[in-house]
């Protein structure tokens, strides 16, 4: 029973992930994000990035082992980009997904989007 509880925690999603930093590869094919949690407990172990039109929607998964276990934890993740990629959103659970990065096509650079800042 303990093994099941240990493993199950790693399949729960986190909706309190925020972008700490990011970098884009020289060829523009990969963006590496550094994440953190707004909550005081827990860790992230994985990302699921799904492409829909020009947007990429990211969901994050808890580390294995329970409430404050760091087994398998990471905070750097790579997201593959293509020519049509323009926006990256983070899952917010029951709330609307947050736009966290947007490509400025005129300048050909990615720009962090912070809530309340245009």
N, C-alpha and C. Protein backbone atom coordinates (compact mmCIF):
# COMPACT_ATOMS: atom_id res chain seq x y z
N UNK A 1 0.82 -1.20 0.00
CA UNK A 1 0.00 0.00 0.00
C UNK A 1 0.86 1.26 0.00
N UNK A 2 1.93 1.23 0.80
CA UNK A 2 2.82 2.40 0.86
C UNK A 2 3.45 2.67 -0.50
N UNK A 3 3.79 1.61 -1.23
CA UNK A 3 4.39 1.77 -2.56
C UNK A 3 3.44 2.44 -3.54
N UNK A 4 2.17 2.10 -3.45
CA UNK A 4 1.16 2.71 -4.31
C UNK A 4 1.04 4.20 -4.00
N UNK A 5 0.96 4.55 -2.74
CA UNK A 5 0.87 5.96 -2.36
C UNK A 5 2.11 6.73 -2.77
N UNK A 6 3.27 6.08 -2.65
CA UNK A 6 4.55 6.67 -3.05
C UNK A 6 4.53 7.03 -4.53
N UNK A 7 4.06 6.10 -5.36
CA UNK A 7 4.06 6.30 -6.81
C UNK A 7 2.96 7.24 -7.28
N UNK A 8 1.78 7.15 -6.67
CA UNK A 8 0.65 7.95 -7.13
C UNK A 8 0.90 9.45 -7.05
N UNK A 9 1.64 9.89 -6.07
CA UNK A 9 1.88 11.33 -5.93
C UNK A 9 2.58 11.90 -7.16
N UNK A 10 3.35 11.10 -7.85
CA UNK A 10 4.07 11.56 -9.04
C UNK A 10 3.22 11.74 -10.27
N UNK A 11 1.93 11.40 -10.17
CA UNK A 11 1.03 11.58 -11.30
C UNK A 11 0.03 12.70 -11.07
N UNK A 12 0.18 13.42 -9.97
CA UNK A 12 -0.66 14.58 -9.69
C UNK A 12 -0.04 15.81 -10.36
N UNK A 13 -0.89 16.68 -10.86
CA UNK A 13 -0.39 17.90 -11.50
C UNK A 13 -0.26 19.02 -10.48
N UNK A 14 0.60 19.97 -10.81
CA UNK A 14 0.80 21.17 -9.98
C UNK A 14 0.29 22.36 -10.77
N UNK A 15 -0.52 23.18 -10.15
CA UNK A 15 -1.05 24.37 -10.81
C UNK A 15 -0.42 25.64 -10.24
N UNK A 16 0.59 25.50 -9.38
CA UNK A 16 1.22 26.65 -8.74
C UNK A 16 2.67 26.85 -9.22
N UNK A 17 2.93 26.45 -10.46
CA UNK A 17 4.27 26.58 -11.03
C UNK A 17 4.40 27.95 -11.69
N UNK A 18 5.53 28.59 -11.47
CA UNK A 18 5.76 29.85 -12.17
C UNK A 18 7.13 29.83 -12.85
N UNK A 19 7.27 30.69 -13.82
CA UNK A 19 8.51 30.81 -14.59
C UNK A 19 9.51 31.63 -13.81
N UNK A 20 10.68 31.05 -13.59
CA UNK A 20 11.73 31.78 -12.89
C UNK A 20 12.71 32.40 -13.89
N UNK A 21 13.03 31.65 -14.95
CA UNK A 21 13.96 32.13 -15.97
C UNK A 21 13.78 31.29 -17.21
N UNK A 22 14.34 31.74 -18.34
CA UNK A 22 14.28 30.96 -19.57
C UNK A 22 15.43 31.35 -20.49
N UNK A 23 15.74 30.44 -21.41
CA UNK A 23 16.72 30.73 -22.45
C UNK A 23 16.30 29.99 -23.71
N UNK A 24 16.71 30.52 -24.85
CA UNK A 24 16.37 29.93 -26.14
C UNK A 24 17.65 29.49 -26.82
N UNK A 25 17.61 28.31 -27.43
CA UNK A 25 18.79 27.81 -28.14
C UNK A 25 19.14 28.74 -29.30
N UNK A 26 20.39 28.70 -29.74
CA UNK A 26 20.83 29.58 -30.82
C UNK A 26 20.01 29.42 -32.08
N UNK A 27 19.62 28.18 -32.39
CA UNK A 27 18.84 27.94 -33.61
C UNK A 27 17.34 28.15 -33.41
N UNK A 28 16.92 28.47 -32.17
CA UNK A 28 15.52 28.76 -31.88
C UNK A 28 14.62 27.54 -31.85
N UNK A 29 15.17 26.35 -31.79
CA UNK A 29 14.35 25.14 -31.82
C UNK A 29 13.95 24.63 -30.44
N UNK A 30 14.60 25.15 -29.39
CA UNK A 30 14.31 24.70 -28.02
C UNK A 30 14.34 25.90 -27.08
N UNK A 31 13.36 25.93 -26.19
CA UNK A 31 13.38 26.91 -25.11
C UNK A 31 13.54 26.13 -23.81
N UNK A 32 14.47 26.55 -22.99
CA UNK A 32 14.69 25.91 -21.69
C UNK A 32 14.11 26.82 -20.62
N UNK A 33 13.20 26.26 -19.82
CA UNK A 33 12.58 27.05 -18.77
C UNK A 33 13.07 26.57 -17.42
N UNK A 34 13.22 27.52 -16.52
CA UNK A 34 13.52 27.22 -15.12
C UNK A 34 12.27 27.58 -14.33
N UNK A 35 11.80 26.63 -13.54
CA UNK A 35 10.54 26.82 -12.83
C UNK A 35 10.73 26.82 -11.33
N UNK A 36 9.72 27.29 -10.66
CA UNK A 36 9.66 27.25 -9.20
C UNK A 36 8.19 27.12 -8.82
N UNK A 37 7.95 26.90 -7.54
CA UNK A 37 6.58 26.76 -7.05
C UNK A 37 6.22 27.93 -6.16
N UNK A 38 4.97 28.36 -6.23
CA UNK A 38 4.54 29.43 -5.33
C UNK A 38 4.21 28.86 -3.95
N UNK A 39 3.92 27.56 -3.88
CA UNK A 39 3.65 26.91 -2.59
C UNK A 39 4.94 26.60 -1.86
N UNK A 40 4.83 26.40 -0.57
CA UNK A 40 6.02 26.16 0.25
C UNK A 40 6.41 24.69 0.31
N UNK A 41 5.55 23.81 -0.16
CA UNK A 41 5.85 22.37 -0.10
C UNK A 41 5.81 21.76 -1.48
N UNK A 42 6.65 20.74 -1.67
CA UNK A 42 6.60 19.95 -2.89
C UNK A 42 7.64 20.34 -3.92
N UNK A 43 7.71 19.48 -4.94
CA UNK A 43 8.68 19.64 -6.02
C UNK A 43 8.03 19.20 -7.33
N UNK A 44 8.61 19.62 -8.43
CA UNK A 44 8.17 19.25 -9.76
C UNK A 44 9.11 18.17 -10.28
N UNK A 45 8.57 17.18 -11.00
CA UNK A 45 9.43 16.15 -11.58
C UNK A 45 9.35 16.09 -13.10
N UNK A 46 8.24 16.57 -13.69
CA UNK A 46 8.06 16.40 -15.14
C UNK A 46 7.15 17.48 -15.70
N UNK A 47 7.25 17.63 -17.02
CA UNK A 47 6.40 18.55 -17.75
C UNK A 47 5.75 17.78 -18.90
N UNK A 48 4.53 18.17 -19.22
CA UNK A 48 3.88 17.69 -20.44
C UNK A 48 3.54 18.93 -21.24
N UNK A 49 4.14 19.07 -22.41
CA UNK A 49 3.92 20.22 -23.27
C UNK A 49 3.14 19.78 -24.50
N UNK A 50 1.97 20.37 -24.69
CA UNK A 50 1.11 20.01 -25.82
C UNK A 50 0.94 21.22 -26.72
N UNK A 51 1.12 21.00 -28.02
CA UNK A 51 1.02 22.07 -29.02
C UNK A 51 -0.39 22.12 -29.56
N UNK A 52 -0.95 23.31 -29.66
CA UNK A 52 -2.26 23.55 -30.27
C UNK A 52 -2.16 24.86 -31.05
N UNK A 53 -2.21 24.77 -32.35
CA UNK A 53 -2.03 25.93 -33.23
C UNK A 53 -0.68 26.60 -32.96
N UNK A 54 -0.70 27.87 -32.53
CA UNK A 54 0.57 28.58 -32.30
C UNK A 54 0.97 28.58 -30.83
N UNK A 55 0.22 27.83 -30.00
CA UNK A 55 0.45 27.85 -28.55
C UNK A 55 0.93 26.48 -28.04
N UNK A 56 1.69 26.53 -26.95
CA UNK A 56 2.14 25.34 -26.25
C UNK A 56 1.59 25.43 -24.83
N UNK A 57 0.89 24.39 -24.42
CA UNK A 57 0.27 24.34 -23.10
C UNK A 57 1.05 23.37 -22.22
N UNK A 58 1.54 23.86 -21.08
CA UNK A 58 2.41 23.07 -20.20
C UNK A 58 1.68 22.68 -18.91
N UNK A 59 1.73 21.39 -18.60
CA UNK A 59 1.26 20.87 -17.33
C UNK A 59 2.47 20.30 -16.60
N UNK A 60 2.49 20.42 -15.29
CA UNK A 60 3.63 19.97 -14.49
C UNK A 60 3.18 18.92 -13.50
N UNK A 61 4.07 17.97 -13.20
CA UNK A 61 3.75 16.84 -12.33
C UNK A 61 4.61 16.86 -11.08
N UNK A 62 3.99 16.45 -9.97
CA UNK A 62 4.66 16.38 -8.66
C UNK A 62 5.77 15.34 -8.67
N UNK A 63 6.74 15.54 -7.78
CA UNK A 63 7.78 14.53 -7.56
C UNK A 63 7.15 13.33 -6.86
N UNK A 64 7.80 12.19 -7.00
CA UNK A 64 7.33 10.97 -6.34
C UNK A 64 7.61 11.03 -4.84
N UNK A 65 6.81 10.35 -4.06
CA UNK A 65 7.12 10.16 -2.65
C UNK A 65 6.28 10.90 -1.65
N UNK A 66 5.36 11.72 -2.07
CA UNK A 66 4.50 12.38 -1.08
C UNK A 66 4.69 13.87 -1.02
N UNK A 67 4.12 14.46 0.02
CA UNK A 67 3.99 15.91 0.12
C UNK A 67 5.26 16.71 -0.11
N UNK A 68 6.33 16.39 0.54
CA UNK A 68 7.53 17.22 0.41
C UNK A 68 8.74 16.41 -0.04
N UNK A 69 8.48 15.32 -0.76
CA UNK A 69 9.57 14.49 -1.26
C UNK A 69 10.16 15.11 -2.53
N UNK A 70 11.45 14.97 -2.67
CA UNK A 70 12.12 15.52 -3.86
C UNK A 70 12.59 14.42 -4.81
N UNK A 71 12.07 13.21 -4.68
CA UNK A 71 12.50 12.08 -5.51
C UNK A 71 12.12 12.35 -6.97
N UNK A 72 13.12 12.42 -7.81
CA UNK A 72 12.91 12.67 -9.24
C UNK A 72 12.68 14.12 -9.60
N UNK A 73 12.90 15.02 -8.66
CA UNK A 73 12.57 16.42 -8.90
C UNK A 73 13.54 17.09 -9.87
N UNK A 74 12.99 18.05 -10.61
CA UNK A 74 13.74 18.89 -11.56
C UNK A 74 13.09 20.27 -11.56
N UNK A 75 13.86 21.25 -12.00
CA UNK A 75 13.24 22.56 -12.20
C UNK A 75 13.62 23.18 -13.54
N UNK A 76 14.40 22.47 -14.36
CA UNK A 76 14.74 22.90 -15.72
C UNK A 76 14.10 21.93 -16.71
N UNK A 77 13.41 22.50 -17.70
CA UNK A 77 12.73 21.67 -18.68
C UNK A 77 12.93 22.27 -20.07
N UNK A 78 13.08 21.40 -21.06
CA UNK A 78 13.22 21.83 -22.45
C UNK A 78 11.89 21.64 -23.17
N UNK A 79 11.53 22.64 -23.95
CA UNK A 79 10.31 22.59 -24.76
C UNK A 79 10.73 22.79 -26.21
N UNK A 80 10.34 21.86 -27.06
CA UNK A 80 10.67 21.97 -28.49
C UNK A 80 9.77 23.02 -29.13
N UNK A 81 10.38 23.84 -29.98
CA UNK A 81 9.66 24.89 -30.69
C UNK A 81 9.70 24.60 -32.19
N UNK A 82 8.71 25.11 -32.90
CA UNK A 82 8.76 25.10 -34.36
C UNK A 82 8.45 26.51 -34.85
N UNK A 83 8.43 26.69 -36.15
CA UNK A 83 8.22 28.04 -36.71
C UNK A 83 6.90 28.67 -36.29
N UNK A 84 5.89 27.85 -36.01
CA UNK A 84 4.57 28.40 -35.67
C UNK A 84 4.40 28.70 -34.18
N UNK A 85 5.35 28.30 -33.36
CA UNK A 85 5.24 28.52 -31.90
C UNK A 85 5.32 30.00 -31.57
N UNK A 86 4.29 30.51 -30.89
CA UNK A 86 4.23 31.94 -30.55
C UNK A 86 3.93 32.20 -29.08
N UNK A 87 3.30 31.23 -28.38
CA UNK A 87 2.88 31.47 -27.01
C UNK A 87 3.10 30.20 -26.18
N UNK A 88 3.44 30.39 -24.90
CA UNK A 88 3.57 29.27 -23.96
C UNK A 88 2.73 29.59 -22.74
N UNK A 89 1.86 28.64 -22.40
CA UNK A 89 0.95 28.78 -21.27
C UNK A 89 1.28 27.75 -20.20
N UNK A 90 1.03 28.11 -18.93
CA UNK A 90 1.16 27.19 -17.81
C UNK A 90 -0.24 26.86 -17.30
N UNK A 91 -0.47 25.60 -16.99
CA UNK A 91 -1.74 25.11 -16.46
C UNK A 91 -2.00 25.71 -15.08
N UNK A 92 -3.22 26.16 -14.87
CA UNK A 92 -3.63 26.71 -13.58
C UNK A 92 -4.79 25.94 -12.98
N UNK A 93 -4.90 24.67 -13.33
CA UNK A 93 -5.95 23.84 -12.76
C UNK A 93 -7.32 24.27 -13.22
N UNK A 94 -8.18 24.64 -12.28
CA UNK A 94 -9.55 25.04 -12.59
C UNK A 94 -9.62 26.45 -13.17
N UNK A 95 -8.58 27.25 -12.96
CA UNK A 95 -8.54 28.60 -13.52
C UNK A 95 -8.02 28.57 -14.95
N UNK A 96 -8.16 29.69 -15.65
CA UNK A 96 -7.65 29.78 -17.02
C UNK A 96 -6.13 29.67 -17.02
N UNK A 97 -5.58 29.02 -18.04
CA UNK A 97 -4.13 28.90 -18.16
C UNK A 97 -3.50 30.29 -18.26
N UNK A 98 -2.28 30.42 -17.71
CA UNK A 98 -1.55 31.69 -17.75
C UNK A 98 -0.60 31.73 -18.94
N UNK A 99 -0.65 32.83 -19.68
CA UNK A 99 0.33 33.08 -20.72
C UNK A 99 1.62 33.52 -20.03
N UNK A 100 2.71 32.75 -20.18
CA UNK A 100 3.95 33.09 -19.47
C UNK A 100 5.05 33.57 -20.42
N UNK A 101 5.00 33.12 -21.67
CA UNK A 101 5.99 33.57 -22.67
C UNK A 101 5.29 33.80 -24.00
N UNK A 102 5.73 34.85 -24.69
CA UNK A 102 5.17 35.14 -26.01
C UNK A 102 6.29 35.60 -26.92
N UNK A 103 6.24 35.15 -28.16
CA UNK A 103 7.29 35.53 -29.11
C UNK A 103 6.93 36.86 -29.76
N UNK A 104 7.87 37.80 -29.67
CA UNK A 104 7.75 39.08 -30.37
C UNK A 104 8.29 38.81 -31.77
N UNK A 105 7.37 38.63 -32.72
CA UNK A 105 7.79 38.23 -34.06
C UNK A 105 8.58 39.33 -34.78
N UNK A 106 8.31 40.58 -34.49
CA UNK A 106 9.04 41.67 -35.14
C UNK A 106 10.52 41.66 -34.74
N UNK A 107 10.78 41.41 -33.45
CA UNK A 107 12.16 41.40 -32.96
C UNK A 107 12.76 39.99 -32.95
N UNK A 108 11.91 38.97 -33.18
CA UNK A 108 12.31 37.57 -33.17
C UNK A 108 12.92 37.16 -31.82
N UNK A 109 12.26 37.58 -30.73
CA UNK A 109 12.70 37.22 -29.38
C UNK A 109 11.49 36.78 -28.56
N UNK A 110 11.74 35.94 -27.55
CA UNK A 110 10.71 35.54 -26.61
C UNK A 110 10.68 36.51 -25.44
N UNK A 111 9.47 36.88 -25.00
CA UNK A 111 9.28 37.86 -23.93
C UNK A 111 8.45 37.23 -22.83
N UNK A 112 8.91 37.40 -21.59
CA UNK A 112 8.17 36.90 -20.44
C UNK A 112 6.94 37.79 -20.22
N UNK A 113 5.81 37.14 -19.97
CA UNK A 113 4.57 37.86 -19.70
C UNK A 113 4.24 37.69 -18.22
N UNK A 114 4.19 38.76 -17.49
CA UNK A 114 3.86 38.71 -16.06
C UNK A 114 2.43 39.20 -15.89
N UNK A 115 1.68 38.59 -15.00
CA UNK A 115 0.29 39.03 -14.78
C UNK A 115 0.20 40.52 -14.50
N UNK A 116 -0.71 41.19 -15.21
CA UNK A 116 -0.92 42.62 -14.98
C UNK A 116 0.04 43.51 -15.73
N UNK A 117 1.00 42.93 -16.47
CA UNK A 117 1.97 43.74 -17.22
C UNK A 117 1.75 43.50 -18.71
N UNK A 118 1.55 44.54 -19.43
CA UNK A 118 1.33 44.44 -20.89
C UNK A 118 2.62 44.71 -21.64
